[in-house]
N, C-alpha and C. Protein backbone atom coordinates (compact mmCIF):
# COMPACT_ATOMS: atom_id res chain seq x y z
N MET A 1 -3.12 10.66 12.06
CA MET A 1 -2.30 9.45 12.90
C MET A 1 -2.58 10.80 14.32
N GLY A 2 -2.28 12.15 14.08
CA GLY A 2 -1.85 12.19 15.54
C GLY A 2 -0.40 12.59 16.68
N TYR A 3 0.68 12.46 14.89
CA TYR A 3 2.20 12.23 15.95
C TYR A 3 2.20 13.49 16.37
N SER A 4 3.35 13.81 16.95
CA SER A 4 4.00 14.45 17.53
C SER A 4 5.49 14.48 16.66
N ILE A 5 5.53 15.99 16.67
CA ILE A 5 7.18 16.27 16.00
C ILE A 5 8.41 14.92 16.32
N SER A 6 8.14 14.88 17.51
CA SER A 6 9.12 13.89 18.23
C SER A 6 8.83 12.52 17.90
N ASP A 7 7.38 12.46 18.15
CA ASP A 7 7.22 11.05 17.41
C ASP A 7 6.93 10.32 16.43
N ALA A 8 7.19 11.32 15.18
CA ALA A 8 7.03 11.26 14.21
C ALA A 8 8.55 10.90 13.33
N LEU A 9 9.29 11.61 14.07
CA LEU A 9 11.16 11.63 13.54
C LEU A 9 11.48 10.02 14.33
N ASP A 10 10.88 9.62 15.55
CA ASP A 10 11.32 8.88 15.62
C ASP A 10 11.63 7.18 14.83
N ILE A 11 10.04 7.62 14.01
CA ILE A 11 9.11 5.94 13.48
C ILE A 11 9.44 6.70 12.32
N VAL A 12 10.10 7.56 11.05
CA VAL A 12 10.46 7.96 9.64
C VAL A 12 11.94 7.20 9.72
N GLY A 13 12.28 5.92 9.41
CA GLY A 13 12.54 5.37 9.37
C GLY A 13 11.89 4.34 9.22
N ASP A 14 10.40 3.77 9.71
CA ASP A 14 9.88 2.70 9.69
C ASP A 14 9.07 2.46 8.69
N VAL A 15 8.91 3.89 8.24
CA VAL A 15 7.50 4.18 6.70
C VAL A 15 8.02 3.21 5.39
N MET A 16 7.27 2.82 4.86
CA MET A 16 7.75 1.91 3.95
C MET A 16 7.67 2.66 2.73
N LEU A 17 8.46 3.21 2.04
CA LEU A 17 7.30 3.43 0.39
C LEU A 17 7.34 2.85 -0.65
N PHE A 18 6.67 2.97 -1.52
CA PHE A 18 6.59 2.99 -2.96
C PHE A 18 6.13 3.28 -3.63
N VAL A 19 7.48 3.48 -5.05
CA VAL A 19 6.78 4.98 -5.64
C VAL A 19 6.07 4.27 -6.87
N GLY A 20 4.92 5.40 -6.81
CA GLY A 20 4.16 4.69 -7.49
C GLY A 20 2.78 4.41 -7.46
N ASP A 21 1.55 4.48 -7.80
CA ASP A 21 0.10 4.56 -7.67
C ASP A 21 -0.07 3.73 -7.10
N LEU A 22 -1.20 3.84 -6.26
CA LEU A 22 -2.25 2.78 -4.78
C LEU A 22 -2.84 1.35 -5.78
N GLU A 23 -2.78 1.44 -6.94
CA GLU A 23 -3.40 -0.13 -7.90
C GLU A 23 -2.13 -0.67 -7.96
N ASP A 24 -0.55 0.39 -8.45
CA ASP A 24 0.41 -0.52 -8.59
C ASP A 24 0.70 -1.28 -7.21
N ALA A 25 0.61 -0.89 -6.15
CA ALA A 25 1.50 -0.65 -4.79
C ALA A 25 0.54 -2.46 -4.88
N ALA A 26 -0.74 -2.48 -4.90
CA ALA A 26 -1.42 -3.22 -4.32
C ALA A 26 -1.33 -4.16 -5.66
N SER A 27 -1.13 -4.34 -6.61
CA SER A 27 -0.86 -5.41 -7.24
C SER A 27 0.16 -6.35 -7.09
N GLU A 28 1.65 -5.07 -6.46
CA GLU A 28 2.48 -6.06 -6.08
C GLU A 28 2.40 -6.66 -4.69
N ILE A 29 1.36 -6.12 -4.04
CA ILE A 29 1.58 -7.03 -2.62
C ILE A 29 0.59 -8.08 -3.15
N PHE A 30 -0.27 -7.75 -4.15
CA PHE A 30 -1.34 -8.90 -4.37
C PHE A 30 -0.87 -10.34 -4.46
N ASP A 31 -0.07 -10.08 -5.74
CA ASP A 31 1.33 -10.88 -6.64
C ASP A 31 2.58 -11.02 -5.44
N ASP A 32 2.39 -10.48 -4.68
CA ASP A 32 3.58 -11.47 -3.95
C ASP A 32 2.94 -12.11 -2.39
N LEU A 33 1.88 -11.83 -2.68
CA LEU A 33 1.36 -12.37 -1.23
C LEU A 33 0.18 -13.49 -1.91
N HIS A 34 -0.71 -12.85 -2.49
CA HIS A 34 -1.81 -14.07 -2.38
C HIS A 34 -1.99 -14.66 -4.11
N ALA A 35 -1.08 -14.11 -5.19
CA ALA A 35 -1.68 -15.41 -6.48
C ALA A 35 -1.13 -16.06 -6.41
N PRO A 36 0.16 -15.98 -5.60
CA PRO A 36 0.61 -18.20 -5.59
C PRO A 36 -0.27 -18.92 -5.53
N THR A 37 -1.46 -18.98 -4.14
CA THR A 37 -2.13 -19.64 -3.40
C THR A 37 -3.91 -19.61 -5.02
N ILE A 38 -3.53 -18.88 -5.59
CA ILE A 38 -4.78 -18.53 -6.52
C ILE A 38 -4.46 -19.71 -8.14
N PRO A 39 -5.19 -20.67 -7.92
CA PRO A 39 -5.46 -21.11 -9.68
C PRO A 39 -4.79 -19.25 -11.02
N ALA A 40 -3.85 -19.74 -11.99
CA ALA A 40 -4.05 -19.32 -12.40
C ALA A 40 -4.39 -18.65 -13.03
N MET A 41 -5.56 -19.77 -13.90
CA MET A 41 -6.94 -19.50 -14.28
C MET A 41 -8.01 -18.02 -13.65
N LEU A 42 -8.06 -18.10 -12.33
CA LEU A 42 -9.13 -17.54 -11.33
C LEU A 42 -8.13 -15.97 -11.80
N LEU A 43 -6.86 -15.98 -11.68
CA LEU A 43 -6.14 -14.43 -11.63
C LEU A 43 -7.20 -13.51 -12.28
N PRO A 44 -7.47 -13.47 -13.73
CA PRO A 44 -7.75 -12.28 -14.84
C PRO A 44 -8.96 -11.39 -14.11
N TYR A 45 -10.16 -12.94 -13.13
CA TYR A 45 -10.82 -12.25 -12.25
C TYR A 45 -10.93 -11.69 -11.05
N PHE A 46 -9.85 -11.69 -10.70
CA PHE A 46 -9.62 -10.42 -9.43
C PHE A 46 -9.44 -9.36 -10.21
N ASP A 47 -9.70 -7.69 -9.26
CA ASP A 47 -10.49 -7.07 -8.81
C ASP A 47 -9.24 -6.08 -8.14
N LEU A 48 -8.41 -6.22 -9.21
CA LEU A 48 -7.23 -5.03 -8.15
C LEU A 48 -7.75 -3.92 -8.48
N ALA A 49 -8.07 -3.35 -8.85
CA ALA A 49 -8.61 -1.90 -8.29
C ALA A 49 -9.57 -1.96 -6.81
N ALA A 50 -10.50 -3.07 -6.95
CA ALA A 50 -11.19 -2.95 -5.55
C ALA A 50 -10.51 -3.12 -4.36
N TYR A 51 -9.49 -3.47 -4.31
CA TYR A 51 -8.38 -4.41 -3.38
C TYR A 51 -7.48 -3.40 -3.85
N ALA A 52 -6.88 -2.13 -4.29
CA ALA A 52 -6.30 -1.29 -3.65
C ALA A 52 -7.30 -0.36 -3.10
N ARG A 53 -8.52 -0.07 -3.14
CA ARG A 53 -9.74 0.69 -2.85
C ARG A 53 -9.74 0.07 -1.23
N ASP A 54 -9.85 -1.15 -1.37
CA ASP A 54 -10.50 -1.78 -0.05
C ASP A 54 -9.14 -1.26 1.29
N LEU A 55 -7.49 -1.69 0.65
CA LEU A 55 -6.32 -1.79 1.38
C LEU A 55 -6.10 -0.11 1.83
N GLU A 56 -6.75 0.83 1.18
CA GLU A 56 -6.55 2.08 1.86
C GLU A 56 -7.62 2.64 2.36
N LEU A 57 -8.79 2.21 2.39
CA LEU A 57 -10.17 2.49 3.54
C LEU A 57 -9.34 1.51 4.36
N GLY A 58 -9.10 0.46 4.72
CA GLY A 58 -8.49 -0.42 5.90
C GLY A 58 -7.50 -0.08 6.72
N GLY A 59 -6.54 0.84 6.18
CA GLY A 59 -5.46 1.33 6.13
C GLY A 59 -4.36 1.38 6.94
N ASP A 60 -4.49 -0.11 5.24
CA ASP A 60 -3.10 -0.56 5.57
C ASP A 60 -2.41 -0.09 4.12
N LEU A 61 -2.67 1.12 3.13
CA LEU A 61 -1.57 1.84 2.70
C LEU A 61 -2.44 3.16 2.53
N ALA A 62 -1.41 3.89 2.72
CA ALA A 62 -2.33 5.32 2.37
C ALA A 62 -0.57 5.99 1.23
N ALA A 63 -1.81 6.85 0.27
CA ALA A 63 -1.10 7.01 -1.00
C ALA A 63 -0.64 8.80 -0.22
N PHE A 64 -0.11 8.89 -1.15
CA PHE A 64 0.16 10.86 -1.42
C PHE A 64 1.19 11.13 -2.88
N ARG A 65 1.12 12.69 -2.76
CA ARG A 65 1.60 12.20 -4.34
C ARG A 65 2.64 13.42 -3.97
N PHE A 66 3.70 13.82 -4.11
CA PHE A 66 4.96 14.98 -3.46
C PHE A 66 5.75 15.57 -4.60
N ASN A 67 6.39 16.06 -5.13
CA ASN A 67 7.12 17.46 -6.71
C ASN A 67 6.46 15.76 -7.63
N ASP A 68 5.16 15.95 -7.87
CA ASP A 68 4.55 15.44 -9.65
C ASP A 68 4.85 13.93 -9.17
N THR A 69 5.31 13.20 -7.84
CA THR A 69 5.15 11.56 -7.79
C THR A 69 4.92 11.15 -6.83
N ASP A 70 3.79 10.24 -7.30
CA ASP A 70 3.43 9.21 -5.76
C ASP A 70 3.31 8.77 -5.63
N TYR A 71 3.39 8.18 -3.91
CA TYR A 71 3.99 7.35 -3.07
C TYR A 71 2.97 7.14 -2.23
N VAL A 72 3.00 5.26 -1.67
CA VAL A 72 2.61 4.65 -1.02
C VAL A 72 3.41 4.00 0.41
N VAL A 73 2.21 4.44 1.03
CA VAL A 73 3.11 4.24 2.59
C VAL A 73 2.21 2.53 2.37
N THR A 74 3.21 1.15 2.51
CA THR A 74 2.96 -0.04 2.59
C THR A 74 2.91 -0.42 3.55
N ASN A 75 2.98 0.34 4.80
CA ASN A 75 3.12 -0.68 6.32
C ASN A 75 2.49 0.67 6.78
N ALA A 76 1.15 1.86 6.87
CA ALA A 76 0.86 2.56 6.94
C ALA A 76 -0.12 2.28 8.48
N SER A 77 -1.03 0.74 8.37
CA SER A 77 -1.88 0.42 9.53
C SER A 77 -0.94 -0.25 10.49
N GLY A 78 0.97 -0.19 10.56
CA GLY A 78 2.21 -0.39 11.61
C GLY A 78 1.75 0.66 12.14
N LEU A 79 2.23 1.25 11.32
CA LEU A 79 3.06 3.13 12.22
C LEU A 79 2.08 3.24 13.37
């Protein structure tokens, strides 16, 4: 991202963290944003692993591990 220390400190409060792995974060996002608009009978066919991968590759999510805990920045593209 290329932020200076000063810039990073200015936006540290804007970072939204999810505690858990990438697929868990993607699942929560999917459930909140998309699941209500998809017929229930089709939900089992949705590939959450692929959705999580696409969100990460698109820059929307960024996963990291710190002190043996997994975290996901859920607003990575907005920073």
